Amino acid sequence: MIELALAFVLLNVEPGGEDEIRATLSTMDEVIESHTVYGTYDMVVRLTSETMDDIKKIVTGKIRKLDKVRSTLTMLVVEQP
């Protein structure tokens, strides 16, 4: 079984933009789940792809370019159970 690259991305979004961002994220094949949260960040996204480089491309080329996304913090998973 081939292990896919996995990452968690924390998002800061414009106030009130969470529903729009979640709807857009739900159309991306790489996004496994997304949650609106309270705290320093507004959303947590779990995504997967074939390589870490693909994860980078998804975050910089798709997620960061969404209109209401202010900033992101990406955590690449280095070891999976």
PDB file of N, CA and C in Angstrom:
ATOM      1  N   MET A   1       0.844  -1.186   0.000  1.00  0.00           N
ATOM      2  CA  MET A   1       0.000   0.000   0.000  1.00  0.00           C
ATOM      3  C   MET A   1       0.886   1.247   0.000  1.00  0.00           C
ATOM      4  N   ILE A   2       0.609   2.179  -0.881  1.00  0.00           N
ATOM      5  CA  ILE A   2       1.375   3.412  -0.981  1.00  0.00           C
ATOM      6  C   ILE A   2       0.836   4.416   0.019  1.00  0.00           C
ATOM      7  N   GLU A   3       1.748   5.005   0.808  1.00  0.00           N
ATOM      8  CA  GLU A   3       1.357   6.005   1.793  1.00  0.00           C
ATOM      9  C   GLU A   3       1.341   7.376   1.136  1.00  0.00           C
ATOM     10  N   LEU A   4       0.221   8.064   1.249  1.00  0.00           N
ATOM     11  CA  LEU A   4       0.081   9.398   0.676  1.00  0.00           C
ATOM     12  C   LEU A   4       0.623  10.444   1.635  1.00  0.00           C
ATOM     13  N   ALA A   5       1.028  11.591   1.092  1.00  0.00           N
ATOM     14  CA  ALA A   5       1.433  12.719   1.921  1.00  0.00           C
ATOM     15  C   ALA A   5       0.193  13.283   2.605  1.00  0.00           C
ATOM     16  N   LEU A   6       0.366  13.693   3.854  1.00  0.00           N
ATOM     17  CA  LEU A   6      -0.737  14.207   4.658  1.00  0.00           C
ATOM     18  C   LEU A   6      -0.319  15.516   5.294  1.00  0.00           C
ATOM     19  N   ALA A   7      -1.241  16.473   5.363  1.00  0.00           N
ATOM     20  CA  ALA A   7      -0.961  17.755   5.996  1.00  0.00           C
ATOM     21  C   ALA A   7      -2.218  18.298   6.662  1.00  0.00           C
ATOM     22  N   PHE A   8      -1.984  19.103   7.685  1.00  0.00           N
ATOM     23  CA  PHE A   8      -3.035  19.887   8.319  1.00  0.00           C
ATOM     24  C   PHE A   8      -2.710  21.342   8.036  1.00  0.00           C
ATOM     25  N   VAL A   9      -3.712  22.090   7.593  1.00  0.00           N
ATOM     26  CA  VAL A   9      -3.507  23.497   7.263  1.00  0.00           C
ATOM     27  C   VAL A   9      -4.447  24.322   8.140  1.00  0.00           C
ATOM     28  N   LEU A  10      -3.863  25.276   8.858  1.00  0.00           N
ATOM     29  CA  LEU A  10      -4.634  26.195   9.681  1.00  0.00           C
ATOM     30  C   LEU A  10      -4.856  27.462   8.873  1.00  0.00           C
ATOM     31  N   LEU A  11      -6.090  27.955   8.867  1.00  0.00           N
ATOM     32  CA  LEU A  11      -6.436  29.130   8.065  1.00  0.00           C
ATOM     33  C   LEU A  11      -6.950  30.266   8.928  1.00  0.00           C
ATOM     34  N   ASN A  12      -6.536  31.475   8.607  1.00  0.00           N
ATOM     35  CA  ASN A  12      -7.188  32.689   9.083  1.00  0.00           C
ATOM     36  C   ASN A  12      -7.989  33.213   7.903  1.00  0.00           C
ATOM     37  N   VAL A  13      -9.273  33.479   8.131  1.00  0.00           N
ATOM     38  CA  VAL A  13     -10.138  33.943   7.047  1.00  0.00           C
ATOM     39  C   VAL A  13     -10.818  35.249   7.439  1.00  0.00           C
ATOM     40  N   GLU A  14     -11.327  35.947   6.440  1.00  0.00           N
ATOM     41  CA  GLU A  14     -12.081  37.171   6.682  1.00  0.00           C
ATOM     42  C   GLU A  14     -13.289  36.830   7.561  1.00  0.00           C
ATOM     43  N   PRO A  15     -13.650  37.717   8.483  1.00  0.00           N
ATOM     44  CA  PRO A  15     -14.828  37.456   9.330  1.00  0.00           C
ATOM     45  C   PRO A  15     -16.061  37.147   8.491  1.00  0.00           C
ATOM     46  N   GLY A  16     -16.732  36.050   8.826  1.00  0.00           N
ATOM     47  CA  GLY A  16     -17.931  35.632   8.109  1.00  0.00           C
ATOM     48  C   GLY A  16     -17.668  34.849   6.840  1.00  0.00           C
ATOM     49  N   GLY A  17     -16.404  34.618   6.502  1.00  0.00           N
ATOM     50  CA  GLY A  17     -16.078  33.918   5.262  1.00  0.00           C
ATOM     51  C   GLY A  17     -15.937  32.418   5.391  1.00  0.00           C
ATOM     52  N   GLU A  18     -16.136  31.884   6.590  1.00  0.00           N
ATOM     53  CA  GLU A  18     -15.906  30.460   6.824  1.00  0.00           C
ATOM     54  C   GLU A  18     -16.789  29.558   5.960  1.00  0.00           C
ATOM     55  N   ASP A  19     -18.058  29.862   5.851  1.00  0.00           N
ATOM     56  CA  ASP A  19     -18.961  29.003   5.066  1.00  0.00           C
ATOM     57  C   ASP A  19     -18.563  28.976   3.587  1.00  0.00           C
ATOM     58  N   GLU A  20     -18.218  30.121   3.054  1.00  0.00           N
ATOM     59  CA  GLU A  20     -17.806  30.195   1.648  1.00  0.00           C
ATOM     60  C   GLU A  20     -16.510  29.408   1.418  1.00  0.00           C
ATOM     61  N   ILE A  21     -15.565  29.548   2.326  1.00  0.00           N
ATOM     62  CA  ILE A  21     -14.294  28.831   2.205  1.00  0.00           C
ATOM     63  C   ILE A  21     -14.536  27.326   2.315  1.00  0.00           C
ATOM     64  N   ARG A  22     -15.340  26.902   3.276  1.00  0.00           N
ATOM     65  CA  ARG A  22     -15.630  25.463   3.429  1.00  0.00           C
ATOM     66  C   ARG A  22     -16.306  24.907   2.191  1.00  0.00           C
ATOM     67  N   ALA A  23     -17.205  25.653   1.600  1.00  0.00           N
ATOM     68  CA  ALA A  23     -17.882  25.189   0.379  1.00  0.00           C
ATOM     69  C   ALA A  23     -16.880  25.011  -0.752  1.00  0.00           C
ATOM     70  N   THR A  24     -15.963  25.951  -0.884  1.00  0.00           N
ATOM     71  CA  THR A  24     -14.947  25.839  -1.933  1.00  0.00           C
ATOM     72  C   THR A  24     -14.004  24.679  -1.653  1.00  0.00           C
ATOM     73  N   LEU A  25     -13.567  24.547  -0.409  1.00  0.00           N
ATOM     74  CA  LEU A  25     -12.665  23.449  -0.045  1.00  0.00           C
ATOM     75  C   LEU A  25     -13.307  22.087  -0.316  1.00  0.00           C
ATOM     76  N   SER A  26     -14.606  21.989  -0.128  1.00  0.00           N
ATOM     77  CA  SER A  26     -15.292  20.703  -0.324  1.00  0.00           C
ATOM     78  C   SER A  26     -15.264  20.248  -1.781  1.00  0.00           C
ATOM     79  N   THR A  27     -14.961  21.148  -2.701  1.00  0.00           N
ATOM     80  CA  THR A  27     -14.872  20.777  -4.115  1.00  0.00           C
ATOM     81  C   THR A  27     -13.479  20.286  -4.504  1.00  0.00           C
ATOM     82  N   MET A  28     -12.511  20.423  -3.604  1.00  0.00           N
ATOM     83  CA  MET A  28     -11.135  20.013  -3.895  1.00  0.00           C
ATOM     84  C   MET A  28     -10.938  18.557  -3.513  1.00  0.00           C
ATOM     85  N   ASP A  29     -10.511  17.750  -4.476  1.00  0.00           N
ATOM     86  CA  ASP A  29     -10.332  16.316  -4.238  1.00  0.00           C
ATOM     87  C   ASP A  29      -9.345  16.018  -3.116  1.00  0.00           C
ATOM     88  N   GLU A  30      -8.354  16.864  -2.931  1.00  0.00           N
ATOM     89  CA  GLU A  30      -7.307  16.615  -1.943  1.00  0.00           C
ATOM     90  C   GLU A  30      -7.757  16.884  -0.512  1.00  0.00           C
ATOM     91  N   VAL A  31      -8.805  17.659  -0.337  1.00  0.00           N
ATOM     92  CA  VAL A  31      -9.280  18.014   0.998  1.00  0.00           C
ATOM     93  C   VAL A  31     -10.122  16.871   1.554  1.00  0.00           C
ATOM     94  N   ILE A  32      -9.662  16.316   2.673  1.00  0.00           N
ATOM     95  CA  ILE A  32     -10.365  15.216   3.324  1.00  0.00           C
ATOM     96  C   ILE A  32     -11.466  15.753   4.222  1.00  0.00           C
ATOM     97  N   GLU A  33     -11.141  16.813   4.968  1.00  0.00           N
ATOM     98  CA  GLU A  33     -12.131  17.432   5.845  1.00  0.00           C
ATOM     99  C   GLU A  33     -11.690  18.846   6.188  1.00  0.00           C
ATOM    100  N   SER A  34     -12.664  19.667   6.566  1.00  0.00           N
ATOM    101  CA  SER A  34     -12.370  21.017   7.033  1.00  0.00           C
ATOM    102  C   SER A  34     -13.331  21.347   8.163  1.00  0.00           C
ATOM    103  N   HIS A  35     -12.815  22.115   9.133  1.00  0.00           N
ATOM    104  CA  HIS A  35     -13.605  22.456  10.321  1.00  0.00           C
ATOM    105  C   HIS A  35     -13.403  23.920  10.669  1.00  0.00           C
ATOM    106  N   THR A  36     -14.480  24.575  11.064  1.00  0.00           N
ATOM    107  CA  THR A  36     -14.383  25.907  11.627  1.00  0.00           C
ATOM    108  C   THR A  36     -14.095  25.736  13.113  1.00  0.00           C
ATOM    109  N   VAL A  37     -13.127  26.496  13.627  1.00  0.00           N
ATOM    110  CA  VAL A  37     -12.706  26.351  15.024  1.00  0.00           C
ATOM    111  C   VAL A  37     -12.596  27.725  15.682  1.00  0.00           C
ATOM    112  N   TYR A  38     -12.550  27.728  17.014  1.00  0.00           N
ATOM    113  CA  TYR A  38     -12.298  28.942  17.781  1.00  0.00           C
ATOM    114  C   TYR A  38     -10.847  28.954  18.208  1.00  0.00           C
ATOM    115  N   GLY A  39     -10.275  30.127  18.311  1.00  0.00           N
ATOM    116  CA  GLY A  39      -8.897  30.248  18.760  1.00  0.00           C
ATOM    117  C   GLY A  39      -8.106  31.140  17.833  1.00  0.00           C
ATOM    118  N   THR A  40      -6.810  30.930  17.799  1.00  0.00           N
ATOM    119  CA  THR A  40      -5.914  31.751  16.983  1.00  0.00           C
ATOM    120  C   THR A  40      -6.238  31.633  15.499  1.00  0.00           C
ATOM    121  N   TYR A  41      -6.647  30.449  15.072  1.00  0.00           N
ATOM    122  CA  TYR A  41      -7.013  30.218  13.668  1.00  0.00           C
ATOM    123  C   TYR A  41      -8.507  30.007  13.561  1.00  0.00           C
ATOM    124  N   ASP A  42      -9.032  30.204  12.364  1.00  0.00           N
ATOM    125  CA  ASP A  42     -10.475  30.109  12.126  1.00  0.00           C
ATOM    126  C   ASP A  42     -10.905  28.760  11.582  1.00  0.00           C
ATOM    127  N   MET A  43      -9.987  28.080  10.876  1.00  0.00           N
ATOM    128  CA  MET A  43     -10.328  26.804  10.258  1.00  0.00           C
ATOM    129  C   MET A  43      -9.143  25.854  10.312  1.00  0.00           C
ATOM    130  N   VAL A  44      -9.463  24.559  10.328  1.00  0.00           N
ATOM    131  CA  VAL A  44      -8.461  23.499  10.223  1.00  0.00           C
ATOM    132  C   VAL A  44      -8.857  22.634   9.039  1.00  0.00           C
ATOM    133  N   VAL A  45      -7.885  22.382   8.155  1.00  0.00           N
ATOM    134  CA  VAL A  45      -8.137  21.585   6.957  1.00  0.00           C
ATOM    135  C   VAL A  45      -7.166  20.408   6.957  1.00  0.00           C
ATOM    136  N   ARG A  46      -7.684  19.219   6.683  1.00  0.00           N
ATOM    137  CA  ARG A  46      -6.824  18.035   6.509  1.00  0.00           C
ATOM    138  C   ARG A  46      -6.836  17.694   5.032  1.00  0.00           C
ATOM    139  N   LEU A  47      -5.637  17.584   4.456  1.00  0.00           N
ATOM    140  CA  LEU A  47      -5.575  17.244   3.041  1.00  0.00           C
ATOM    141  C   LEU A  47      -4.491  16.213   2.775  1.00  0.00           C
ATOM    142  N   THR A  48      -4.633  15.550   1.650  1.00  0.00           N
ATOM    143  CA  THR A  48      -3.690  14.508   1.272  1.00  0.00           C
ATOM    144  C   THR A  48      -3.418  14.596  -0.220  1.00  0.00           C
ATOM    145  N   SER A  49      -2.240  14.125  -0.591  1.00  0.00           N
ATOM    146  CA  SER A  49      -1.866  14.071  -2.004  1.00  0.00           C
ATOM    147  C   SER A  49      -0.747  13.048  -2.149  1.00  0.00           C
ATOM    148  N   GLU A  50      -0.295  12.833  -3.357  1.00  0.00           N
ATOM    149  CA  GLU A  50       0.724  11.806  -3.586  1.00  0.00           C
ATOM    150  C   GLU A  50       2.078  12.164  -3.008  1.00  0.00           C
ATOM    151  N   THR A  51       2.450  13.455  -3.044  1.00  0.00           N
ATOM    152  CA  THR A  51       3.771  13.865  -2.557  1.00  0.00           C
ATOM    153  C   THR A  51       3.667  15.134  -1.719  1.00  0.00           C
ATOM    154  N   MET A  52       4.713  15.401  -0.944  1.00  0.00           N
ATOM    155  CA  MET A  52       4.791  16.646  -0.177  1.00  0.00           C
ATOM    156  C   MET A  52       4.821  17.846  -1.121  1.00  0.00           C
ATOM    157  N   ASP A  53       5.461  17.700  -2.263  1.00  0.00           N
ATOM    158  CA  ASP A  53       5.504  18.787  -3.236  1.00  0.00           C
ATOM    159  C   ASP A  53       4.098  19.115  -3.738  1.00  0.00           C
ATOM    160  N   ASP A  54       3.277  18.089  -3.927  1.00  0.00           N
ATOM    161  CA  ASP A  54       1.889  18.316  -4.338  1.00  0.00           C
ATOM    162  C   ASP A  54       1.125  19.076  -3.253  1.00  0.00           C
ATOM    163  N   ILE A  55       1.388  18.754  -1.992  1.00  0.00           N
ATOM    164  CA  ILE A  55       0.752  19.469  -0.879  1.00  0.00           C
ATOM    165  C   ILE A  55       1.096  20.955  -0.978  1.00  0.00           C
ATOM    166  N   LYS A  56       2.373  21.247  -1.200  1.00  0.00           N
ATOM    167  CA  LYS A  56       2.825  22.637  -1.340  1.00  0.00           C
ATOM    168  C   LYS A  56       2.066  23.338  -2.457  1.00  0.00           C
ATOM    169  N   LYS A  57       1.917  22.672  -3.577  1.00  0.00           N
ATOM    170  CA  LYS A  57       1.224  23.266  -4.717  1.00  0.00           C
ATOM    171  C   LYS A  57      -0.253  23.519  -4.412  1.00  0.00           C
ATOM    172  N   ILE A  58      -0.875  22.620  -3.679  1.00  0.00           N
ATOM    173  CA  ILE A  58      -2.286  22.777  -3.316  1.00  0.00           C
ATOM    174  C   ILE A  58      -2.460  23.984  -2.392  1.00  0.00           C
ATOM    175  N   VAL A  59      -1.587  24.075  -1.392  1.00  0.00           N
ATOM    176  CA  VAL A  59      -1.704  25.175  -0.432  1.00  0.00           C
ATOM    177  C   VAL A  59      -1.413  26.512  -1.107  1.00  0.00           C
ATOM    178  N   THR A  60      -0.304  26.598  -1.819  1.00  0.00           N
ATOM    179  CA  THR A  60       0.068  27.887  -2.422  1.00  0.00           C
ATOM    180  C   THR A  60      -0.737  28.210  -3.676  1.00  0.00           C
ATOM    181  N   GLY A  61      -1.087  27.194  -4.452  1.00  0.00           N
ATOM    182  CA  GLY A  61      -1.768  27.437  -5.718  1.00  0.00           C
ATOM    183  C   GLY A  61      -3.277  27.460  -5.656  1.00  0.00           C
ATOM    184  N   LYS A  62      -3.850  26.855  -4.614  1.00  0.00           N
ATOM    185  CA  LYS A  62      -5.312  26.800  -4.515  1.00  0.00           C
ATOM    186  C   LYS A  62      -5.827  27.487  -3.249  1.00  0.00           C
ATOM    187  N   ILE A  63      -5.397  27.009  -2.093  1.00  0.00           N
ATOM    188  CA  ILE A  63      -5.982  27.484  -0.839  1.00  0.00           C
ATOM    189  C   ILE A  63      -5.615  28.938  -0.555  1.00  0.00           C
ATOM    190  N   ARG A  64      -4.354  29.292  -0.668  1.00  0.00           N
ATOM    191  CA  ARG A  64      -3.940  30.673  -0.377  1.00  0.00           C
ATOM    192  C   ARG A  64      -4.527  31.683  -1.354  1.00  0.00           C
ATOM    193  N   LYS A  65      -4.927  31.244  -2.514  1.00  0.00           N
ATOM    194  CA  LYS A  65      -5.478  32.155  -3.517  1.00  0.00           C
ATOM    195  C   LYS A  65      -6.974  32.410  -3.343  1.00  0.00           C
ATOM    196  N   LEU A  66      -7.613  31.723  -2.407  1.00  0.00           N
ATOM    197  CA  LEU A  66      -9.034  31.971  -2.163  1.00  0.00           C
ATOM    198  C   LEU A  66      -9.203  33.374  -1.602  1.00  0.00           C
ATOM    199  N   ASP A  67     -10.190  34.105  -2.099  1.00  0.00           N
ATOM    200  CA  ASP A  67     -10.375  35.515  -1.766  1.00  0.00           C
ATOM    201  C   ASP A  67     -10.394  35.828  -0.276  1.00  0.00           C
ATOM    202  N   LYS A  68     -11.062  35.037   0.503  1.00  0.00           N
ATOM    203  CA  LYS A  68     -11.241  35.380   1.917  1.00  0.00           C
ATOM    204  C   LYS A  68     -10.216  34.739   2.850  1.00  0.00           C
ATOM    205  N   VAL A  69      -9.217  34.075   2.300  1.00  0.00           N
ATOM    206  CA  VAL A  69      -8.154  33.504   3.129  1.00  0.00           C
ATOM    207  C   VAL A  69      -7.113  34.586   3.391  1.00  0.00           C
ATOM    208  N   ARG A  70      -6.880  34.879   4.675  1.00  0.00           N
ATOM    209  CA  ARG A  70      -5.890  35.903   5.063  1.00  0.00           C
ATOM    210  C   ARG A  70      -4.492  35.311   5.186  1.00  0.00           C
ATOM    211  N   SER A  71      -4.396  34.132   5.818  1.00  0.00           N
ATOM    212  CA  SER A  71      -3.091  33.495   6.014  1.00  0.00           C
ATOM    213  C   SER A  71      -3.278  32.009   6.274  1.00  0.00           C
ATOM    214  N   THR A  72      -2.182  31.266   6.124  1.00  0.00           N
ATOM    215  CA  THR A  72      -2.206  29.824   6.382  1.00  0.00           C
ATOM    216  C   THR A  72      -0.971  29.418   7.172  1.00  0.00           C
ATOM    217  N   LEU A  73      -1.092  28.313   7.863  1.00  0.00           N
ATOM    218  CA  LEU A  73       0.036  27.653   8.519  1.00  0.00           C
ATOM    219  C   LEU A  73      -0.095  26.180   8.181  1.00  0.00           C
ATOM    220  N   THR A  74       0.895  25.630   7.496  1.00  0.00           N
ATOM    221  CA  THR A  74       0.835  24.244   7.046  1.00  0.00           C
ATOM    222  C   THR A  74       1.708  23.367   7.921  1.00  0.00           C
ATOM    223  N   MET A  75       1.146  22.260   8.385  1.00  0.00           N
ATOM    224  CA  MET A  75       1.878  21.277   9.168  1.00  0.00           C
ATOM    225  C   MET A  75       1.902  19.984   8.385  1.00  0.00           C
ATOM    226  N   LEU A  76       3.086  19.628   7.884  1.00  0.00           N
ATOM    227  CA  LEU A  76       3.256  18.392   7.123  1.00  0.00           C
ATOM    228  C   LEU A  76       3.445  17.234   8.091  1.00  0.00           C
ATOM    229  N   VAL A  77       2.704  16.180   7.906  1.00  0.00           N
ATOM    230  CA  VAL A  77       2.808  15.000   8.760  1.00  0.00           C
ATOM    231  C   VAL A  77       4.016  14.187   8.294  1.00  0.00           C
ATOM    232  N   VAL A  78       4.949  13.932   9.206  1.00  0.00           N
ATOM    233  CA  VAL A  78       6.176  13.200   8.838  1.00  0.00           C
ATOM    234  C   VAL A  78       6.105  11.725   9.207  1.00  0.00           C
ATOM    235  N   GLU A  79       5.183  11.379  10.095  1.00  0.00           N
ATOM    236  CA  GLU A  79       5.045   9.981  10.481  1.00  0.00           C
ATOM    237  C   GLU A  79       3.580   9.681  10.742  1.00  0.00           C
ATOM    238  N   GLN A  80       3.083   8.656  10.079  1.00  0.00           N
ATOM    239  CA  GLN A  80       1.693   8.261  10.245  1.00  0.00           C
ATOM    240  C   GLN A  80       1.647   6.892  10.928  1.00  0.00           C
ATOM    241  N   PRO A  81       0.578   6.640  11.692  1.00  0.00           N
ATOM    242  CA  PRO A  81       0.477   5.332  12.374  1.00  0.00           C
ATOM    243  C   PRO A  81       0.351   4.177  11.404  1.00  0.00           C
TER     244      PRO A  81
END
